[in-house]
Amino acid sequence: MFAILETGGKQYKVAEGDVLEVELLPAELIKKNSASLSTVLLVQGDKELLIGDPYVKHAKVKLKVLEEIKGEKIRIYKMKPKKGYRKSQGHRQKLHKIQVEKIETKAPAKAKEKETE
């Protein structure tokens, strides 16, 4: 089973147990080193394929936040020849290292009852 989720303006293909680095998650999503993302675009199960419009309803990816890290340093250098203008700047993006614990897809109980009728 795998899912495609969106966070930080990027899309990631994840499966249970995967460890990846994503842009810093909002503080309101993180509770006791765990988080849950509902911005799931696609879920591929054993027998089912759920495609969102734009997101899959009732689908969540539960994450475990391992640590907060910084990415590689990026150097920015600007120069204008013959003018004496030189500017150097650096940047390190803050990232979260996360592990995917579980991919959940649940339909509400009312929807299941309507399908059986």
N, C-alpha and C. Protein backbone atom coordinates (compact mmCIF):
# COMPACT_ATOMS: atom_id res chain seq x y z
N MET A 1 0.84 -1.17 0.00
CA MET A 1 0.00 0.00 0.00
C MET A 1 0.89 1.23 0.00
N PHE A 2 0.57 2.19 -0.86
CA PHE A 2 1.30 3.44 -0.86
C PHE A 2 0.32 4.59 -1.06
N ALA A 3 0.82 5.79 -0.79
CA ALA A 3 -0.01 6.99 -0.94
C ALA A 3 0.86 8.12 -1.48
N ILE A 4 0.22 9.07 -2.10
CA ILE A 4 0.89 10.29 -2.52
C ILE A 4 0.30 11.41 -1.69
N LEU A 5 1.16 12.08 -0.91
CA LEU A 5 0.67 13.16 -0.06
C LEU A 5 1.37 14.46 -0.42
N GLU A 6 0.73 15.54 -0.02
CA GLU A 6 1.24 16.88 -0.33
C GLU A 6 1.52 17.61 0.97
N THR A 7 2.73 18.15 1.07
CA THR A 7 3.09 18.98 2.21
C THR A 7 4.22 19.90 1.80
N GLY A 8 4.16 21.13 2.25
CA GLY A 8 5.19 22.10 1.91
C GLY A 8 5.24 22.45 0.44
N GLY A 9 4.12 22.30 -0.28
CA GLY A 9 4.09 22.61 -1.70
C GLY A 9 4.72 21.54 -2.57
N LYS A 10 5.06 20.39 -1.99
CA LYS A 10 5.68 19.30 -2.74
C LYS A 10 4.86 18.03 -2.54
N GLN A 11 5.00 17.09 -3.47
CA GLN A 11 4.29 15.83 -3.39
C GLN A 11 5.28 14.70 -3.16
N TYR A 12 4.91 13.76 -2.29
CA TYR A 12 5.78 12.65 -1.92
C TYR A 12 5.03 11.34 -2.06
N LYS A 13 5.69 10.33 -2.63
CA LYS A 13 5.13 8.98 -2.68
C LYS A 13 5.66 8.25 -1.45
N VAL A 14 4.76 7.80 -0.57
CA VAL A 14 5.17 7.19 0.69
C VAL A 14 4.49 5.84 0.88
N ALA A 15 5.17 4.97 1.61
CA ALA A 15 4.62 3.70 2.05
C ALA A 15 4.88 3.60 3.55
N GLU A 16 4.24 2.65 4.20
CA GLU A 16 4.40 2.50 5.64
C GLU A 16 5.85 2.13 5.96
N GLY A 17 6.43 2.85 6.93
CA GLY A 17 7.81 2.59 7.32
C GLY A 17 8.83 3.48 6.64
N ASP A 18 8.44 4.25 5.64
CA ASP A 18 9.37 5.14 4.94
C ASP A 18 9.83 6.27 5.85
N VAL A 19 11.09 6.68 5.68
CA VAL A 19 11.66 7.82 6.39
C VAL A 19 12.02 8.85 5.34
N LEU A 20 11.55 10.08 5.50
CA LEU A 20 11.85 11.13 4.54
C LEU A 20 11.97 12.48 5.22
N GLU A 21 12.55 13.42 4.48
CA GLU A 21 12.73 14.78 4.97
C GLU A 21 11.76 15.69 4.23
N VAL A 22 10.94 16.40 4.99
CA VAL A 22 9.97 17.34 4.42
C VAL A 22 10.20 18.71 5.02
N GLU A 23 9.64 19.72 4.37
CA GLU A 23 9.75 21.06 4.93
C GLU A 23 9.06 21.11 6.28
N LEU A 24 9.46 22.06 7.08
CA LEU A 24 8.99 22.18 8.46
C LEU A 24 7.47 22.14 8.52
N LEU A 25 6.93 21.21 9.31
CA LEU A 25 5.48 21.09 9.47
C LEU A 25 4.98 22.15 10.44
N PRO A 26 3.77 22.63 10.28
CA PRO A 26 3.22 23.62 11.21
C PRO A 26 3.13 23.05 12.62
N ALA A 27 3.33 23.91 13.61
CA ALA A 27 3.35 23.48 15.01
C ALA A 27 2.01 22.90 15.45
N GLU A 28 0.89 23.38 14.87
CA GLU A 28 -0.42 22.89 15.28
C GLU A 28 -0.69 21.45 14.81
N LEU A 29 0.08 20.96 13.83
CA LEU A 29 -0.07 19.58 13.39
C LEU A 29 0.67 18.58 14.27
N ILE A 30 1.73 19.03 14.93
CA ILE A 30 2.59 18.13 15.70
C ILE A 30 2.11 18.06 17.15
N LYS A 31 1.83 16.84 17.60
CA LYS A 31 1.42 16.61 18.99
C LYS A 31 2.20 15.42 19.52
N LYS A 32 3.07 15.65 20.49
CA LYS A 32 3.88 14.60 21.12
C LYS A 32 4.65 13.79 20.08
N ASN A 33 5.38 14.48 19.22
CA ASN A 33 6.22 13.87 18.18
C ASN A 33 5.46 13.00 17.20
N SER A 34 4.19 13.26 17.00
CA SER A 34 3.43 12.57 15.97
C SER A 34 2.54 13.59 15.27
N ALA A 35 2.22 13.29 14.03
CA ALA A 35 1.40 14.20 13.24
C ALA A 35 0.50 13.37 12.33
N SER A 36 -0.51 14.02 11.80
CA SER A 36 -1.44 13.37 10.89
C SER A 36 -1.73 14.33 9.74
N LEU A 37 -1.50 13.89 8.52
CA LEU A 37 -1.74 14.72 7.35
C LEU A 37 -2.95 14.18 6.59
N SER A 38 -3.86 15.06 6.23
CA SER A 38 -5.05 14.65 5.48
C SER A 38 -5.00 15.15 4.04
N THR A 39 -3.86 15.72 3.62
CA THR A 39 -3.72 16.19 2.24
C THR A 39 -3.18 15.05 1.38
N VAL A 40 -3.98 13.99 1.26
CA VAL A 40 -3.61 12.79 0.50
C VAL A 40 -4.22 12.89 -0.88
N LEU A 41 -3.40 12.79 -1.91
CA LEU A 41 -3.87 12.92 -3.28
C LEU A 41 -4.30 11.59 -3.89
N LEU A 42 -3.64 10.48 -3.47
CA LEU A 42 -3.93 9.18 -4.05
C LEU A 42 -3.57 8.11 -3.04
N VAL A 43 -4.37 7.05 -3.00
CA VAL A 43 -4.07 5.89 -2.15
C VAL A 43 -4.22 4.64 -3.00
N GLN A 44 -3.17 3.83 -3.04
CA GLN A 44 -3.20 2.55 -3.76
C GLN A 44 -3.14 1.44 -2.72
N GLY A 45 -4.21 0.67 -2.60
CA GLY A 45 -4.26 -0.45 -1.67
C GLY A 45 -4.05 -1.75 -2.41
N ASP A 46 -4.37 -2.86 -1.75
CA ASP A 46 -4.23 -4.16 -2.38
C ASP A 46 -5.20 -4.33 -3.55
N LYS A 47 -6.44 -3.93 -3.32
CA LYS A 47 -7.47 -4.12 -4.35
C LYS A 47 -8.10 -2.81 -4.83
N GLU A 48 -7.77 -1.71 -4.15
CA GLU A 48 -8.47 -0.47 -4.45
C GLU A 48 -7.49 0.65 -4.83
N LEU A 49 -7.99 1.56 -5.63
CA LEU A 49 -7.25 2.76 -6.00
C LEU A 49 -8.18 3.93 -5.75
N LEU A 50 -7.78 4.82 -4.83
CA LEU A 50 -8.59 5.99 -4.51
C LEU A 50 -7.88 7.23 -5.02
N ILE A 51 -8.54 7.98 -5.86
CA ILE A 51 -7.97 9.20 -6.43
C ILE A 51 -8.77 10.38 -5.89
N GLY A 52 -8.07 11.38 -5.40
CA GLY A 52 -8.73 12.54 -4.80
C GLY A 52 -9.15 13.58 -5.81
N ASP A 53 -10.00 14.47 -5.34
CA ASP A 53 -10.48 15.56 -6.19
C ASP A 53 -10.55 16.84 -5.37
N PRO A 54 -9.54 17.53 -4.97
CA PRO A 54 -8.11 17.24 -5.16
C PRO A 54 -7.56 16.28 -4.12
N TYR A 55 -8.25 16.11 -2.96
CA TYR A 55 -7.75 15.21 -1.92
C TYR A 55 -8.72 14.07 -1.72
N VAL A 56 -8.20 12.93 -1.28
CA VAL A 56 -9.03 11.77 -0.97
C VAL A 56 -9.75 12.03 0.35
N LYS A 57 -11.07 11.92 0.32
CA LYS A 57 -11.84 12.15 1.54
C LYS A 57 -11.64 10.98 2.49
N HIS A 58 -11.55 11.26 3.77
CA HIS A 58 -11.43 10.28 4.85
C HIS A 58 -10.13 9.48 4.77
N ALA A 59 -9.10 10.04 4.17
CA ALA A 59 -7.79 9.38 4.12
C ALA A 59 -6.81 10.21 4.94
N LYS A 60 -5.98 9.52 5.73
CA LYS A 60 -4.99 10.19 6.57
C LYS A 60 -3.70 9.39 6.53
N VAL A 61 -2.61 10.10 6.68
CA VAL A 61 -1.30 9.47 6.83
C VAL A 61 -0.78 9.86 8.19
N LYS A 62 -0.56 8.87 9.06
CA LYS A 62 -0.05 9.14 10.40
C LYS A 62 1.47 9.10 10.35
N LEU A 63 2.10 10.12 10.93
CA LEU A 63 3.54 10.28 10.88
C LEU A 63 4.13 10.34 12.27
N LYS A 64 5.38 9.94 12.38
CA LYS A 64 6.15 10.09 13.61
C LYS A 64 7.29 11.05 13.29
N VAL A 65 7.37 12.15 14.02
CA VAL A 65 8.41 13.15 13.80
C VAL A 65 9.66 12.68 14.54
N LEU A 66 10.72 12.37 13.77
CA LEU A 66 11.94 11.86 14.37
C LEU A 66 12.82 12.98 14.90
N GLU A 67 13.03 14.02 14.07
CA GLU A 67 13.84 15.15 14.52
C GLU A 67 13.65 16.35 13.60
N GLU A 68 14.09 17.50 14.09
CA GLU A 68 14.09 18.73 13.30
C GLU A 68 15.53 18.99 12.88
N ILE A 69 15.77 19.10 11.58
CA ILE A 69 17.12 19.25 11.06
C ILE A 69 17.20 20.44 10.13
N LYS A 70 18.40 20.75 9.68
CA LYS A 70 18.61 21.80 8.68
C LYS A 70 19.18 21.16 7.42
N GLY A 71 18.76 21.65 6.28
CA GLY A 71 19.26 21.15 5.01
C GLY A 71 20.64 21.69 4.69
N GLU A 72 21.13 21.35 3.51
CA GLU A 72 22.43 21.84 3.08
C GLU A 72 22.42 23.34 2.90
N LYS A 73 23.59 23.96 3.07
CA LYS A 73 23.72 25.40 2.91
C LYS A 73 23.70 25.75 1.41
N ILE A 74 22.92 26.74 1.08
CA ILE A 74 22.86 27.24 -0.28
C ILE A 74 23.51 28.61 -0.29
N ARG A 75 24.42 28.83 -1.18
CA ARG A 75 25.12 30.11 -1.28
C ARG A 75 24.58 30.92 -2.46
N ILE A 76 24.28 32.19 -2.18
CA ILE A 76 23.79 33.12 -3.20
C ILE A 76 24.84 34.21 -3.34
N TYR A 77 25.30 34.47 -4.55
CA TYR A 77 26.32 35.48 -4.77
C TYR A 77 25.88 36.37 -5.92
N LYS A 78 25.83 37.68 -5.67
CA LYS A 78 25.46 38.65 -6.69
C LYS A 78 26.64 39.58 -6.93
N MET A 79 26.85 39.94 -8.18
CA MET A 79 27.96 40.82 -8.51
C MET A 79 27.62 41.61 -9.77
N LYS A 80 28.00 42.88 -9.76
CA LYS A 80 27.87 43.70 -10.96
C LYS A 80 29.27 44.13 -11.35
N PRO A 81 29.70 43.70 -12.52
CA PRO A 81 31.08 44.03 -12.92
C PRO A 81 31.30 45.54 -13.11
N LYS A 82 32.49 45.98 -12.76
CA LYS A 82 32.95 47.37 -12.92
C LYS A 82 32.21 48.36 -12.02
N LYS A 83 31.38 47.88 -11.11
CA LYS A 83 30.61 48.78 -10.23
C LYS A 83 31.02 48.63 -8.76
N GLY A 84 31.77 47.58 -8.43
CA GLY A 84 32.18 47.36 -7.05
C GLY A 84 31.07 46.78 -6.18
N TYR A 85 30.03 46.24 -6.81
CA TYR A 85 28.92 45.67 -6.06
C TYR A 85 29.10 44.17 -5.95
N ARG A 86 29.23 43.70 -4.73
CA ARG A 86 29.31 42.26 -4.46
C ARG A 86 28.48 41.98 -3.22
N LYS A 87 27.64 40.95 -3.31
CA LYS A 87 26.81 40.58 -2.17
C LYS A 87 26.78 39.06 -2.07
N SER A 88 27.05 38.56 -0.87
CA SER A 88 27.03 37.13 -0.63
C SER A 88 26.01 36.83 0.46
N GLN A 89 25.25 35.78 0.27
CA GLN A 89 24.21 35.43 1.22
C GLN A 89 24.10 33.91 1.27
N GLY A 90 23.73 33.36 2.41
CA GLY A 90 23.54 31.92 2.55
C GLY A 90 22.19 31.60 3.16
N HIS A 91 21.75 30.35 2.97
CA HIS A 91 20.45 29.93 3.50
C HIS A 91 20.49 28.44 3.81
N ARG A 92 19.92 28.05 4.96
CA ARG A 92 19.73 26.65 5.30
C ARG A 92 18.27 26.43 5.65
N GLN A 93 17.61 25.59 4.89
CA GLN A 93 16.19 25.33 5.08
C GLN A 93 15.97 24.42 6.29
N LYS A 94 15.00 24.76 7.12
CA LYS A 94 14.64 23.89 8.25
C LYS A 94 13.73 22.77 7.75
N LEU A 95 14.02 21.55 8.18
CA LEU A 95 13.30 20.37 7.74
C LEU A 95 12.89 19.52 8.92
N HIS A 96 11.89 18.69 8.71
CA HIS A 96 11.52 17.66 9.68
C HIS A 96 11.84 16.30 9.07
N LYS A 97 12.47 15.45 9.85
CA LYS A 97 12.70 14.07 9.43
C LYS A 97 11.54 13.27 10.01
N ILE A 98 10.76 12.63 9.13
CA ILE A 98 9.55 11.95 9.57
C ILE A 98 9.58 10.49 9.13
N GLN A 99 8.79 9.67 9.84
CA GLN A 99 8.60 8.27 9.48
C GLN A 99 7.11 8.03 9.33
N VAL A 100 6.72 7.37 8.25
CA VAL A 100 5.32 7.07 8.00
C VAL A 100 4.95 5.84 8.83
N GLU A 101 3.97 6.01 9.72
CA GLU A 101 3.54 4.90 10.57
C GLU A 101 2.38 4.13 9.96
N LYS A 102 1.38 4.85 9.46
CA LYS A 102 0.18 4.17 8.98
C LYS A 102 -0.53 5.02 7.94
N ILE A 103 -1.09 4.35 6.94
CA ILE A 103 -1.92 5.00 5.94
C ILE A 103 -3.34 4.50 6.17
N GLU A 104 -4.23 5.42 6.50
CA GLU A 104 -5.61 5.05 6.84
C GLU A 104 -6.57 5.55 5.77
N THR A 105 -7.52 4.70 5.40
CA THR A 105 -8.64 5.10 4.54
C THR A 105 -9.90 4.55 5.17
N LYS A 106 -10.73 5.45 5.63
CA LYS A 106 -11.98 5.05 6.26
C LYS A 106 -13.12 5.87 5.69
N ALA A 107 -14.16 5.17 5.32
CA ALA A 107 -15.39 5.86 4.92
C ALA A 107 -16.25 6.02 6.15
N PRO A 108 -17.00 7.11 6.27
CA PRO A 108 -17.86 7.27 7.44
C PRO A 108 -18.92 6.17 7.50
N ALA A 109 -19.41 5.89 8.70
CA ALA A 109 -20.37 4.81 8.91
C ALA A 109 -21.66 5.03 8.11
N LYS A 110 -22.10 6.28 8.00
CA LYS A 110 -23.33 6.57 7.26
C LYS A 110 -23.19 6.23 5.79
N ALA A 111 -22.03 6.50 5.21
CA ALA A 111 -21.81 6.21 3.79
C ALA A 111 -21.82 4.70 3.53
N LYS A 112 -21.27 3.91 4.47
CA LYS A 112 -21.26 2.45 4.33
C LYS A 112 -22.68 1.91 4.37
N GLU A 113 -23.53 2.47 5.24
CA GLU A 113 -24.90 2.01 5.34
C GLU A 113 -25.67 2.29 4.05
N LYS A 114 -25.43 3.45 3.44
CA LYS A 114 -26.12 3.81 2.21
C LYS A 114 -25.70 2.91 1.06
N GLU A 115 -24.45 2.49 1.03
CA GLU A 115 -23.95 1.62 -0.03
C GLU A 115 -24.61 0.25 0.05
N THR A 116 -24.87 -0.25 1.24
CA THR A 116 -25.45 -1.60 1.39
C THR A 116 -26.93 -1.62 1.09
N GLU A 117 -27.59 -0.49 1.13
CA GLU A 117 -29.04 -0.46 0.88
C GLU A 117 -29.38 -0.58 -0.58
